[in-house]
Amino acid sequence: MPRAKEIQMDEVTKIWQLKAEGKIVSEISAIINRSKKSIYRVLSRGCIYKAKRRSGRPSVTNKRDDRPIQRLASTQQRLFVKFKGHRDSPLPA
């Protein structure tokens, strides 16, 4: 599912201005052409709107630690293919 565009700072100020004028959230969302949920989010956070980080399982290793692991896995895969293709190997080809 695609992520929505971040609300720009000028839109945030317009939301706060319209709210100060006494407009309700459904009217603000119609004027700005954004969902009511995003309007509520801007008003509830009370600060500059930024999209939340995506949730998910955090990585155990960092990119630097991943490189040797990937390198080891690729070399072992190549060794297995060489060994499997060897004519004297006990494994069926």
C-alpha atoms as a PDB file:
ATOM      1  CA  MET A   1       0.000   0.000   0.000  1.00  0.00           C
ATOM      2  CA  PRO A   2       1.559   3.329  -1.013  1.00  0.00           C
ATOM      3  CA  ARG A   3       2.350   5.933   1.575  1.00  0.00           C
ATOM      4  CA  ALA A   4       0.681   9.323   1.422  1.00  0.00           C
ATOM      5  CA  LYS A   5       2.696  12.452   0.820  1.00  0.00           C
ATOM      6  CA  GLU A   6       3.826  14.302   3.897  1.00  0.00           C
ATOM      7  CA  ILE A   7       1.787  17.328   4.783  1.00  0.00           C
ATOM      8  CA  GLN A   8       3.757  20.443   3.922  1.00  0.00           C
ATOM      9  CA  MET A   9       4.390  23.179   6.460  1.00  0.00           C
ATOM     10  CA  ASP A  10       2.090  25.630   4.668  1.00  0.00           C
ATOM     11  CA  GLU A  11      -0.733  23.084   4.899  1.00  0.00           C
ATOM     12  CA  VAL A  12      -0.081  22.651   8.627  1.00  0.00           C
ATOM     13  CA  THR A  13      -0.303  26.415   9.197  1.00  0.00           C
ATOM     14  CA  LYS A  14      -3.493  26.562   7.113  1.00  0.00           C
ATOM     15  CA  ILE A  15      -4.992  23.757   9.248  1.00  0.00           C
ATOM     16  CA  TRP A  16      -4.175  25.663  12.436  1.00  0.00           C
ATOM     17  CA  GLN A  17      -5.566  28.912  10.995  1.00  0.00           C
ATOM     18  CA  LEU A  18      -8.818  27.261   9.952  1.00  0.00           C
ATOM     19  CA  LYS A  19      -9.130  25.583  13.351  1.00  0.00           C
ATOM     20  CA  ALA A  20      -8.575  28.961  15.052  1.00  0.00           C
ATOM     21  CA  GLU A  21     -11.364  30.403  12.893  1.00  0.00           C
ATOM     22  CA  GLY A  22     -13.711  27.797  14.368  1.00  0.00           C
ATOM     23  CA  LYS A  23     -13.950  25.406  11.434  1.00  0.00           C
ATOM     24  CA  ILE A  24     -14.638  21.755  12.198  1.00  0.00           C
ATOM     25  CA  VAL A  25     -12.365  18.955  11.003  1.00  0.00           C
ATOM     26  CA  SER A  26     -14.641  17.814   8.168  1.00  0.00           C
ATOM     27  CA  GLU A  27     -14.735  21.380   6.779  1.00  0.00           C
ATOM     28  CA  ILE A  28     -10.945  21.694   7.065  1.00  0.00           C
ATOM     29  CA  SER A  29     -10.439  18.380   5.271  1.00  0.00           C
ATOM     30  CA  ALA A  30     -12.733  19.504   2.443  1.00  0.00           C
ATOM     31  CA  ILE A  31     -10.897  22.832   2.082  1.00  0.00           C
ATOM     32  CA  ILE A  32      -7.380  21.358   2.155  1.00  0.00           C
ATOM     33  CA  ASN A  33      -8.359  18.156   0.309  1.00  0.00           C
ATOM     34  CA  ARG A  34      -6.826  15.831   2.904  1.00  0.00           C
ATOM     35  CA  SER A  35      -8.403  13.080   4.973  1.00  0.00           C
ATOM     36  CA  LYS A  36      -9.963  13.811   8.346  1.00  0.00           C
ATOM     37  CA  LYS A  37      -7.489  11.412   9.928  1.00  0.00           C
ATOM     38  CA  SER A  38      -4.509  13.455   8.724  1.00  0.00           C
ATOM     39  CA  ILE A  39      -6.137  16.649  10.024  1.00  0.00           C
ATOM     40  CA  TYR A  40      -6.700  15.037  13.421  1.00  0.00           C
ATOM     41  CA  ARG A  41      -3.091  13.843  13.403  1.00  0.00           C
ATOM     42  CA  VAL A  42      -1.762  17.360  12.790  1.00  0.00           C
ATOM     43  CA  LEU A  43      -3.975  18.831  15.505  1.00  0.00           C
ATOM     44  CA  SER A  44      -3.201  16.130  18.070  1.00  0.00           C
ATOM     45  CA  ARG A  45       0.578  16.266  17.642  1.00  0.00           C
ATOM     46  CA  GLY A  46       0.652  20.009  18.101  1.00  0.00           C
ATOM     47  CA  CYS A  47       3.991  20.328  16.329  1.00  0.00           C
ATOM     48  CA  ILE A  48       5.434  20.010  12.864  1.00  0.00           C
ATOM     49  CA  TYR A  49       3.878  17.054  11.080  1.00  0.00           C
ATOM     50  CA  LYS A  50       6.243  14.272  10.061  1.00  0.00           C
ATOM     51  CA  ALA A  51       5.252  10.855   8.794  1.00  0.00           C
ATOM     52  CA  LYS A  52       5.796   8.110  11.346  1.00  0.00           C
ATOM     53  CA  ARG A  53       8.522   5.546  10.758  1.00  0.00           C
ATOM     54  CA  ARG A  54       7.213   2.315   9.435  1.00  0.00           C
ATOM     55  CA  SER A  55       6.812  -0.336  12.042  1.00  0.00           C
ATOM     56  CA  GLY A  56       8.235  -3.780  11.586  1.00  0.00           C
ATOM     57  CA  ARG A  57      10.734  -6.150  12.981  1.00  0.00           C
ATOM     58  CA  PRO A  58      13.940  -4.261  13.795  1.00  0.00           C
ATOM     59  CA  SER A  59      17.145  -5.481  12.223  1.00  0.00           C
ATOM     60  CA  VAL A  60      19.489  -7.358  14.532  1.00  0.00           C
ATOM     61  CA  THR A  61      22.594  -6.453  12.522  1.00  0.00           C
ATOM     62  CA  ASN A  62      23.610  -3.241  10.840  1.00  0.00           C
ATOM     63  CA  LYS A  63      24.695  -2.859   7.211  1.00  0.00           C
ATOM     64  CA  ARG A  64      28.362  -3.169   8.081  1.00  0.00           C
ATOM     65  CA  ASP A  65      27.783  -6.504   9.841  1.00  0.00           C
ATOM     66  CA  ASP A  66      25.599  -7.730   6.970  1.00  0.00           C
ATOM     67  CA  ARG A  67      28.359  -7.484   4.345  1.00  0.00           C
ATOM     68  CA  PRO A  68      30.603 -10.308   5.655  1.00  0.00           C
ATOM     69  CA  ILE A  69      27.568 -12.510   6.244  1.00  0.00           C
ATOM     70  CA  GLN A  70      26.382 -12.006   2.672  1.00  0.00           C
ATOM     71  CA  ARG A  71      29.899 -12.539   1.358  1.00  0.00           C
ATOM     72  CA  LEU A  72      30.239 -15.787   3.322  1.00  0.00           C
ATOM     73  CA  ALA A  73      26.868 -17.041   2.105  1.00  0.00           C
ATOM     74  CA  SER A  74      27.679 -16.317  -1.542  1.00  0.00           C
ATOM     75  CA  THR A  75      31.118 -17.977  -1.406  1.00  0.00           C
ATOM     76  CA  GLN A  76      29.731 -21.059   0.312  1.00  0.00           C
ATOM     77  CA  GLN A  77      27.034 -21.294  -2.319  1.00  0.00           C
ATOM     78  CA  ARG A  78      29.677 -21.180  -5.063  1.00  0.00           C
ATOM     79  CA  LEU A  79      31.762 -23.814  -3.268  1.00  0.00           C
ATOM     80  CA  PHE A  80      28.740 -26.095  -2.988  1.00  0.00           C
ATOM     81  CA  VAL A  81      28.036 -25.754  -6.715  1.00  0.00           C
ATOM     82  CA  LYS A  82      31.697 -26.532  -7.531  1.00  0.00           C
ATOM     83  CA  PHE A  83      31.684 -29.530  -5.167  1.00  0.00           C
ATOM     84  CA  LYS A  84      28.367 -30.832  -6.497  1.00  0.00           C
ATOM     85  CA  GLY A  85      29.605 -30.612 -10.072  1.00  0.00           C
ATOM     86  CA  HIS A  86      32.890 -32.433  -9.340  1.00  0.00           C
ATOM     87  CA  ARG A  87      33.010 -35.852 -11.022  1.00  0.00           C
ATOM     88  CA  ASP A  88      34.400 -37.704  -7.979  1.00  0.00           C
ATOM     89  CA  SER A  89      31.861 -36.248  -5.568  1.00  0.00           C
ATOM     90  CA  PRO A  90      29.688 -38.705  -3.676  1.00  0.00           C
ATOM     91  CA  LEU A  91      26.638 -36.454  -4.257  1.00  0.00           C
ATOM     92  CA  PRO A  92      24.465 -37.227  -7.275  1.00  0.00           C
ATOM     93  CA  ALA A  93      24.858 -34.587  -9.987  1.00  0.00           C
END
